[in-house]
Amino acid sequence: MAGWRGRTADVALVPAVGLVAVTGLVVQSRGIDTAAEWAALLTVLLSTGALYVRRRHPVPVGVVALVAIGAYGALLHRPGPIMLVFVVALYTVVDEGYLAVAIGLGLASVIAFAVADSYNRSPNTMNGATLLHAGWLVAVIVGVTRNRRAYLAEAQARAVVAEQRMEEEARRRATEERLRIARELHDVLGHHLSLINVQASAALHRPDPVRSEQALTAIKQTSKETLSELRATLGALRQAPTVVPAPGLNRLGDLIRTAAGPELKIRTELAETRSLPPEVDLAVYRIVQEALTNVARHARATTAVVRVRPDHDDVLVEVEDDGTGQPDSPGSGILGMRERARALGGSLTTGAQPDGGFRVSARLPMRPDPAPVGEQM
């Protein structure tokens, strides 16, 4: 819009200058009667019309205006209001950065002005009008040059600020991506390796062929899922497309079947939930995954309950167990779950239950409001 306003002002200035110049000519000549006066009028109109293209061709228009001054003075033997046309042309030449050309045009116009003014001057009078004209042109050139330098300095400062903001935005996005990939790697490796460890321990401590076969089968399936999710996560680092979709509610059943075992029964209470945005869907899966990892690693529980249900514009995720063990202090798993919730504008609470066991509860908005990187930590 600023460009259009500037262009409109440039165009509107031309008829205003032409009107002043023509009116000045009529007043100065007390009418248009002679052939010289008609020729001077044509000179004013032609030079004024050239101002329409002064932004695209500043130097040629400046030369045309200078020639018009000389022609006007030669025709009427005196300087006149056509000088206003030249001032506008000279202003444009300076504003477009042609300072040396502007100085040359200004000196030439002073000479033309002095020649035209000399026709009606007696030998004893000083050429004050010429000096006034010269001072006017110097003021125009100096003033416009100073303004142009200030404008260029401001534009350069804005460009530097814009570049800094782009760099900061790039660093912010890189930090967010590193945090996301770190969380993904922690959740994938932590969960699956914990399950593999639990199954392997069960097989070693209870050398029952049937249970050993079940444990080895579970280890095989878990390691397969680990490799699949690890490839998908590392594919993001290589910026390569992955054929493995991000997990969500649709894979919650597989997750629970993998986490459950002979010594841990997991019950699910899943209320019907409308389609979730991909980032919320993934967060629900990862929070349940990490909570079940902690159950297997710390809780020494026999049963666990996973609940997912909508609550107005939020989705609630709860994982409870009946175990007696719990982490002494929040580890990276709990911190990672909390970061996931906060990154979407949600919240997560954890703690022991009054009747025993441990509870993880997350509230995630179905329309996530991402938090700044600093708040995610």
Protein backbone atom coordinates (compact mmCIF):
# COMPACT_ATOMS: atom_id res chain seq x y z
CA MET A 1 0.00 0.00 0.00
CA ALA A 2 2.87 2.38 0.77
CA GLY A 3 4.23 1.91 -2.77
CA TRP A 4 0.83 2.73 -4.29
CA ARG A 5 0.49 5.83 -2.12
CA GLY A 6 3.95 6.99 -3.19
CA ARG A 7 3.16 6.41 -6.86
CA THR A 8 -0.16 8.25 -6.56
CA ALA A 9 1.56 11.23 -4.94
CA ASP A 10 4.18 11.30 -7.71
CA VAL A 11 1.50 11.34 -10.40
CA ALA A 12 -0.68 13.92 -8.60
CA LEU A 13 2.31 16.25 -8.26
CA VAL A 14 2.68 16.67 -12.04
CA PRO A 15 -0.62 18.47 -12.80
CA ALA A 16 -0.12 20.61 -9.69
CA VAL A 17 3.30 21.72 -10.91
CA GLY A 18 1.96 22.28 -14.43
CA LEU A 19 -0.92 24.39 -13.11
CA VAL A 20 1.42 26.60 -11.07
CA ALA A 21 3.85 26.98 -13.98
CA VAL A 22 1.16 27.84 -16.54
CA THR A 23 -0.56 30.26 -14.15
CA GLY A 24 2.77 31.90 -13.43
CA LEU A 25 3.45 32.27 -17.16
CA VAL A 26 0.06 33.88 -17.77
CA VAL A 27 0.50 36.28 -14.87
CA GLN A 28 4.09 37.07 -15.81
CA SER A 29 3.23 37.74 -19.48
CA ARG A 30 -0.18 39.32 -18.71
CA GLY A 31 -1.81 36.96 -21.13
CA ILE A 32 -0.70 34.74 -24.00
CA ASP A 33 -0.63 36.96 -27.07
CA THR A 34 2.64 36.63 -28.99
CA ALA A 35 4.10 33.64 -30.80
CA ALA A 36 6.98 33.59 -28.29
CA GLU A 37 4.53 33.36 -25.41
CA TRP A 38 2.64 30.52 -27.10
CA ALA A 39 5.96 28.70 -27.67
CA ALA A 40 6.88 29.26 -24.01
CA LEU A 41 3.51 27.80 -23.01
CA LEU A 42 4.20 24.73 -25.14
CA THR A 43 7.63 24.42 -23.53
CA VAL A 44 6.05 24.49 -20.08
CA LEU A 45 3.48 21.83 -21.00
CA LEU A 46 6.01 19.51 -22.65
CA SER A 47 8.53 19.72 -19.78
CA THR A 48 5.74 19.24 -17.24
CA GLY A 49 4.49 16.17 -19.12
CA ALA A 50 8.00 14.69 -19.03
CA LEU A 51 7.76 14.64 -15.23
CA TYR A 52 5.38 11.65 -15.46
CA VAL A 53 8.33 9.39 -16.29
CA ARG A 54 10.89 11.05 -14.02
CA ARG A 55 11.14 8.03 -11.71
CA ARG A 56 11.96 5.64 -14.55
CA HIS A 57 14.19 8.05 -16.44
CA PRO A 58 15.40 10.67 -13.94
CA VAL A 59 18.48 11.88 -15.84
CA PRO A 60 16.83 12.33 -19.29
CA VAL A 61 13.90 14.16 -17.65
CA GLY A 62 16.37 16.39 -15.82
CA VAL A 63 18.08 17.22 -19.12
CA VAL A 64 14.69 17.97 -20.73
CA ALA A 65 13.82 20.32 -17.87
CA LEU A 66 17.20 22.07 -18.21
CA VAL A 67 16.69 22.54 -21.97
CA ALA A 68 13.19 23.86 -21.25
CA ILE A 69 14.67 26.52 -18.93
CA GLY A 70 17.04 27.67 -21.65
CA ALA A 71 14.29 27.71 -24.27
CA TYR A 72 11.94 29.62 -21.98
CA GLY A 73 14.59 32.27 -21.27
CA ALA A 74 15.50 32.59 -24.95
CA LEU A 75 11.85 33.02 -25.94
CA LEU A 76 10.77 35.52 -23.28
CA HIS A 77 14.16 36.98 -22.34
CA ARG A 78 13.55 36.40 -18.65
CA PRO A 79 13.41 33.48 -16.19
CA GLY A 80 10.02 32.27 -15.15
CA PRO A 81 7.91 29.79 -13.21
CA ILE A 82 9.14 26.97 -15.43
CA MET A 83 11.94 26.79 -12.87
CA LEU A 84 9.52 24.87 -10.64
CA VAL A 85 9.48 22.08 -13.24
CA PHE A 86 13.25 21.94 -13.15
CA VAL A 87 13.32 21.86 -9.33
CA VAL A 88 11.03 18.80 -9.30
CA ALA A 89 13.15 17.08 -11.95
CA LEU A 90 16.36 17.92 -10.07
CA TYR A 91 14.88 16.62 -6.81
CA THR A 92 14.15 13.30 -8.52
CA VAL A 93 17.67 13.05 -9.94
CA VAL A 94 19.15 13.51 -6.46
CA ASP A 95 16.61 11.20 -4.84
CA GLU A 96 17.45 8.41 -7.28
CA GLY A 97 21.13 8.67 -6.34
CA TYR A 98 22.61 10.60 -9.29
CA LEU A 99 24.31 13.27 -7.15
CA ALA A 100 27.09 14.20 -9.61
CA VAL A 101 24.58 14.58 -12.47
CA ALA A 102 22.36 16.72 -10.22
CA ILE A 103 25.24 19.06 -9.40
CA GLY A 104 26.04 19.43 -13.12
CA LEU A 105 22.42 20.14 -13.98
CA GLY A 106 22.18 22.63 -11.14
CA LEU A 107 25.24 24.58 -12.31
CA ALA A 108 23.96 24.61 -15.88
CA SER A 109 20.55 25.86 -14.72
CA VAL A 110 22.18 28.71 -12.78
CA ILE A 111 23.96 29.76 -15.96
CA ALA A 112 20.74 29.56 -17.98
CA PHE A 113 18.89 31.49 -15.30
CA ALA A 114 21.58 34.19 -15.22
CA VAL A 115 21.54 34.55 -19.02
CA ALA A 116 17.75 34.91 -19.08
CA ASP A 117 17.82 37.36 -16.17
CA SER A 118 20.54 39.46 -17.80
CA TYR A 119 18.21 40.67 -20.61
CA ASN A 120 16.27 42.94 -18.25
CA ARG A 121 19.12 44.00 -15.97
CA SER A 122 20.93 47.31 -16.05
CA PRO A 123 24.72 47.36 -15.63
CA ASN A 124 24.35 48.86 -12.15
CA THR A 125 21.99 46.22 -10.68
CA MET A 126 23.14 43.00 -9.08
CA ASN A 127 21.83 39.67 -10.18
CA GLY A 128 20.11 38.89 -6.89
CA ALA A 129 17.58 36.58 -8.51
CA THR A 130 20.36 34.39 -9.86
CA LEU A 131 21.97 34.16 -6.43
CA LEU A 132 18.60 33.33 -4.91
CA HIS A 133 18.06 30.63 -7.52
CA ALA A 134 21.53 29.18 -6.86
CA GLY A 135 20.88 29.08 -3.12
CA TRP A 136 17.56 27.38 -3.71
CA LEU A 137 19.15 24.66 -5.80
CA VAL A 138 21.92 24.10 -3.25
CA ALA A 139 19.29 23.70 -0.54
CA VAL A 140 17.41 21.17 -2.68
CA ILE A 141 20.51 19.11 -3.44
CA VAL A 142 21.87 19.15 0.12
CA GLY A 143 18.49 18.49 1.72
CA VAL A 144 17.57 15.62 -0.55
CA THR A 145 21.03 14.08 -0.25
CA ARG A 146 20.82 14.18 3.53
CA ASN A 147 17.35 12.65 3.49
CA ARG A 148 18.44 9.96 1.07
CA ARG A 149 21.41 9.00 3.22
CA ALA A 150 19.17 8.85 6.28
CA TYR A 151 16.69 6.70 4.36
CA LEU A 152 19.41 4.34 3.13
CA ALA A 153 20.85 4.05 6.64
CA GLU A 154 17.41 3.25 8.02
CA ALA A 155 16.75 0.73 5.25
CA GLN A 156 20.09 -0.94 5.94
CA ALA A 157 19.33 -1.06 9.66
CA ARG A 158 15.93 -2.63 8.92
CA ALA A 159 17.57 -5.19 6.64
CA VAL A 160 20.04 -6.10 9.40
CA VAL A 161 17.20 -6.46 11.93
CA ALA A 162 15.18 -8.57 9.47
CA GLU A 163 18.20 -10.81 8.83
CA GLN A 164 18.77 -11.20 12.57
CA ARG A 165 15.13 -12.13 13.06
CA MET A 166 15.36 -14.71 10.29
CA GLU A 167 18.47 -16.19 11.89
CA GLU A 168 16.77 -16.26 15.30
CA GLU A 169 13.72 -17.92 13.78
CA ALA A 170 15.93 -20.51 12.07
CA ARG A 171 17.73 -21.21 15.36
CA ARG A 172 14.39 -21.45 17.17
CA ARG A 173 13.05 -23.91 14.64
CA ALA A 174 16.29 -25.94 14.80
CA THR A 175 16.05 -26.03 18.61
CA GLU A 176 12.43 -27.15 18.45
CA GLU A 177 13.33 -29.87 15.96
CA ARG A 178 16.22 -31.09 18.11
CA LEU A 179 13.95 -31.22 21.15
CA ARG A 180 11.30 -33.09 19.17
CA ILE A 181 13.76 -35.66 17.84
CA ALA A 182 15.35 -36.06 21.30
CA ARG A 183 11.92 -36.76 22.80
CA GLU A 184 11.09 -39.22 20.03
CA LEU A 185 14.37 -41.10 20.45
CA HIS A 186 13.99 -41.21 24.22
CA ASP A 187 10.43 -42.46 24.05
CA VAL A 188 11.09 -45.05 21.36
CA LEU A 189 14.31 -46.46 22.78
CA GLY A 190 13.36 -46.08 26.45
CA HIS A 191 10.02 -47.85 26.11
CA HIS A 192 11.04 -50.71 23.86
CA LEU A 193 14.39 -51.41 25.51
CA SER A 194 12.71 -51.40 28.93
CA LEU A 195 10.21 -53.98 27.71
CA ILE A 196 12.99 -56.07 26.21
CA ASN A 197 14.85 -55.89 29.53
CA VAL A 198 11.76 -56.95 31.49
CA GLN A 199 11.05 -59.88 29.16
CA ALA A 200 14.66 -61.02 29.16
CA SER A 201 14.80 -60.86 32.97
CA ALA A 202 11.61 -62.91 33.22
CA ALA A 203 13.03 -65.55 30.90
CA LEU A 204 16.31 -65.76 32.83
CA HIS A 205 14.83 -65.90 36.33
CA ARG A 206 12.08 -68.37 35.47
CA PRO A 207 13.56 -70.91 33.05
CA ASP A 208 10.18 -72.20 31.94
CA PRO A 209 10.26 -73.25 28.24
CA VAL A 210 6.77 -71.88 27.60
CA ARG A 211 7.45 -68.55 29.27
CA SER A 212 10.88 -68.34 27.67
CA GLU A 213 9.29 -68.80 24.26
CA GLN A 214 6.71 -66.11 25.06
CA ALA A 215 9.46 -63.76 26.26
CA LEU A 216 11.57 -64.34 23.15
CA THR A 217 8.54 -63.78 20.93
CA ALA A 218 7.77 -60.54 22.75
CA ILE A 219 11.42 -59.46 22.47
CA LYS A 220 11.39 -60.18 18.73
CA GLN A 221 8.19 -58.16 18.19
CA THR A 222 9.38 -55.31 20.40
CA SER A 223 12.76 -55.08 18.70
CA LYS A 224 11.02 -55.07 15.30
CA GLU A 225 8.82 -52.15 16.35
CA THR A 226 11.88 -50.39 17.79
CA LEU A 227 13.74 -50.60 14.50
CA SER A 228 10.69 -49.43 12.56
CA GLU A 229 10.12 -46.35 14.72
CA LEU A 230 13.85 -45.63 14.89
CA ARG A 231 14.07 -45.59 11.09
CA ALA A 232 11.15 -43.16 10.93
CA THR A 233 12.75 -40.83 13.48
CA LEU A 234 16.19 -40.92 11.89
CA GLY A 235 14.57 -40.36 8.50
CA ALA A 236 13.55 -36.91 9.74
CA LEU A 237 17.20 -36.16 10.51
CA ARG A 238 18.15 -37.08 6.95
CA GLN A 239 15.17 -35.13 5.64
CA ALA A 240 14.15 -38.28 3.84
CA PRO A 241 10.52 -39.35 3.46
CA THR A 242 9.44 -42.21 5.67
CA VAL A 243 6.80 -44.80 4.92
CA VAL A 244 6.10 -45.38 8.64
CA PRO A 245 3.23 -43.16 9.85
CA ALA A 246 3.50 -41.49 13.26
CA PRO A 247 1.78 -43.58 15.95
CA GLY A 248 -1.43 -42.42 17.59
CA LEU A 249 -4.69 -43.67 19.05
CA ASN A 250 -5.01 -46.17 16.21
CA ARG A 251 -1.92 -47.99 17.52
CA LEU A 252 -2.71 -47.72 21.21
CA GLY A 253 -4.03 -51.29 21.27
CA ASP A 254 -0.76 -52.69 19.87
CA LEU A 255 1.19 -50.65 22.43
CA ILE A 256 -0.83 -52.02 25.34
CA ARG A 257 -0.62 -55.61 24.10
CA THR A 258 3.15 -55.29 23.85
CA ALA A 259 3.50 -53.70 27.30
CA ALA A 260 1.24 -56.26 29.02
CA GLY A 261 2.55 -59.62 30.15
CA PRO A 262 1.95 -62.52 32.50
CA GLU A 263 2.74 -60.34 35.54
CA LEU A 264 1.10 -57.10 34.34
CA LYS A 265 -2.50 -56.84 33.23
CA ILE A 266 -3.47 -53.60 31.48
CA ARG A 267 -7.08 -52.47 31.17
CA THR A 268 -8.17 -49.74 28.77
CA GLU A 269 -11.05 -47.29 29.03
CA LEU A 270 -11.19 -45.45 25.73
CA ALA A 271 -14.12 -43.13 25.17
CA GLU A 272 -15.05 -42.15 21.65
CA THR A 273 -12.92 -39.17 20.68
CA ARG A 274 -13.20 -37.10 17.54
CA SER A 275 -10.27 -37.06 15.17
CA LEU A 276 -7.26 -35.43 16.82
CA PRO A 277 -4.64 -33.23 15.16
CA PRO A 278 -1.51 -35.28 14.32
CA GLU A 279 0.66 -33.63 16.99
CA VAL A 280 -1.97 -34.24 19.71
CA ASP A 281 -2.54 -37.81 18.52
CA LEU A 282 1.19 -38.49 18.74
CA ALA A 283 1.45 -36.85 22.18
CA VAL A 284 -1.34 -39.09 23.55
CA TYR A 285 0.48 -42.18 22.29
CA ARG A 286 3.88 -41.11 23.62
CA ILE A 287 2.53 -40.15 27.06
CA VAL A 288 0.82 -43.53 27.45
CA GLN A 289 3.95 -45.24 26.15
CA GLU A 290 6.25 -43.48 28.62
CA ALA A 291 3.82 -44.00 31.52
CA LEU A 292 3.68 -47.76 30.82
CA THR A 293 7.47 -47.80 30.54
CA ASN A 294 7.69 -46.38 34.06
CA VAL A 295 5.15 -48.93 35.27
CA ALA A 296 7.27 -51.78 33.90
CA ARG A 297 10.52 -50.27 35.16
CA HIS A 298 9.64 -48.92 38.61
CA ALA A 299 6.16 -49.80 39.79
CA ARG A 300 6.30 -53.57 40.43
CA ALA A 301 2.58 -53.42 39.60
CA THR A 302 0.19 -56.22 38.67
CA THR A 303 -2.52 -54.11 37.02
CA ALA A 304 -2.67 -50.79 35.22
CA VAL A 305 -5.48 -48.75 33.71
CA VAL A 306 -5.21 -46.53 30.63
CA ARG A 307 -7.98 -43.97 30.13
CA VAL A 308 -8.42 -41.62 27.16
CA ARG A 309 -11.54 -39.48 26.99
CA PRO A 310 -12.64 -36.10 25.66
CA ASP A 311 -13.45 -33.24 28.03
CA HIS A 312 -14.98 -30.25 26.21
CA ASP A 313 -12.16 -28.95 23.99
CA ASP A 314 -9.49 -31.10 25.65
CA VAL A 315 -8.54 -34.75 25.65
CA LEU A 316 -7.66 -36.34 29.01
CA VAL A 317 -5.04 -39.08 29.27
CA GLU A 318 -4.66 -41.05 32.50
CA VAL A 319 -2.47 -44.03 33.39
CA GLU A 320 -2.83 -45.58 36.87
CA ASP A 321 -1.17 -48.62 38.42
CA ASP A 322 -1.39 -50.52 41.72
CA GLY A 323 2.33 -50.82 42.23
CA THR A 324 4.38 -49.99 45.28
CA GLY A 325 7.41 -48.54 43.57
CA GLN A 326 7.77 -45.13 41.98
CA PRO A 327 10.63 -42.92 40.84
CA ASP A 328 12.34 -41.11 43.72
CA SER A 329 12.46 -37.93 41.64
CA PRO A 330 11.12 -36.95 38.21
CA GLY A 331 13.40 -38.49 35.61
CA SER A 332 13.82 -37.69 31.96
CA GLY A 333 10.72 -39.73 31.13
CA ILE A 334 8.38 -37.64 33.29
CA LEU A 335 10.10 -34.44 32.18
CA GLY A 336 9.68 -35.53 28.56
CA MET A 337 5.95 -36.15 29.04
CA ARG A 338 5.58 -32.75 30.71
CA GLU A 339 7.44 -31.07 27.84
CA ARG A 340 5.18 -32.74 25.30
CA ALA A 341 2.07 -31.50 27.09
CA ARG A 342 3.38 -27.95 27.53
CA ALA A 343 4.54 -27.80 23.92
CA LEU A 344 0.89 -28.15 22.90
CA GLY A 345 -0.43 -25.74 25.52
CA GLY A 346 -1.52 -28.53 27.88
CA SER A 347 -0.47 -29.78 31.29
CA LEU A 348 0.68 -32.98 33.00
CA THR A 349 0.60 -34.04 36.65
CA THR A 350 2.08 -37.13 38.32
CA GLY A 351 2.07 -38.50 41.82
CA ALA A 352 1.26 -41.31 44.21
CA GLN A 353 -2.39 -42.20 44.83
CA PRO A 354 -3.93 -42.25 48.33
CA ASP A 355 -4.74 -45.97 48.06
CA GLY A 356 -1.35 -46.87 46.61
CA GLY A 357 0.04 -46.94 43.12
CA PHE A 358 1.08 -44.15 40.83
CA ARG A 359 -0.93 -41.89 38.52
CA VAL A 360 -0.05 -39.94 35.40
CA SER A 361 -2.65 -37.44 34.17
CA ALA A 362 -2.36 -35.22 31.09
CA ARG A 363 -4.76 -32.65 29.67
CA LEU A 364 -4.14 -31.77 26.02
CA PRO A 365 -6.10 -29.23 23.97
CA MET A 366 -7.63 -30.65 20.83
CA ARG A 367 -6.65 -27.39 19.16
CA PRO A 368 -3.04 -27.10 20.33
CA ASP A 369 -1.56 -23.71 21.19
CA PRO A 370 2.21 -24.26 20.86
CA ALA A 371 4.29 -22.73 23.64
CA PRO A 372 7.58 -20.89 22.99
CA VAL A 373 10.75 -22.95 23.14
CA GLY A 374 11.81 -21.39 26.42
CA GLU A 375 8.58 -22.45 28.11
CA GLN A 376 8.90 -26.02 26.92
CA MET A 377 11.93 -26.56 29.04
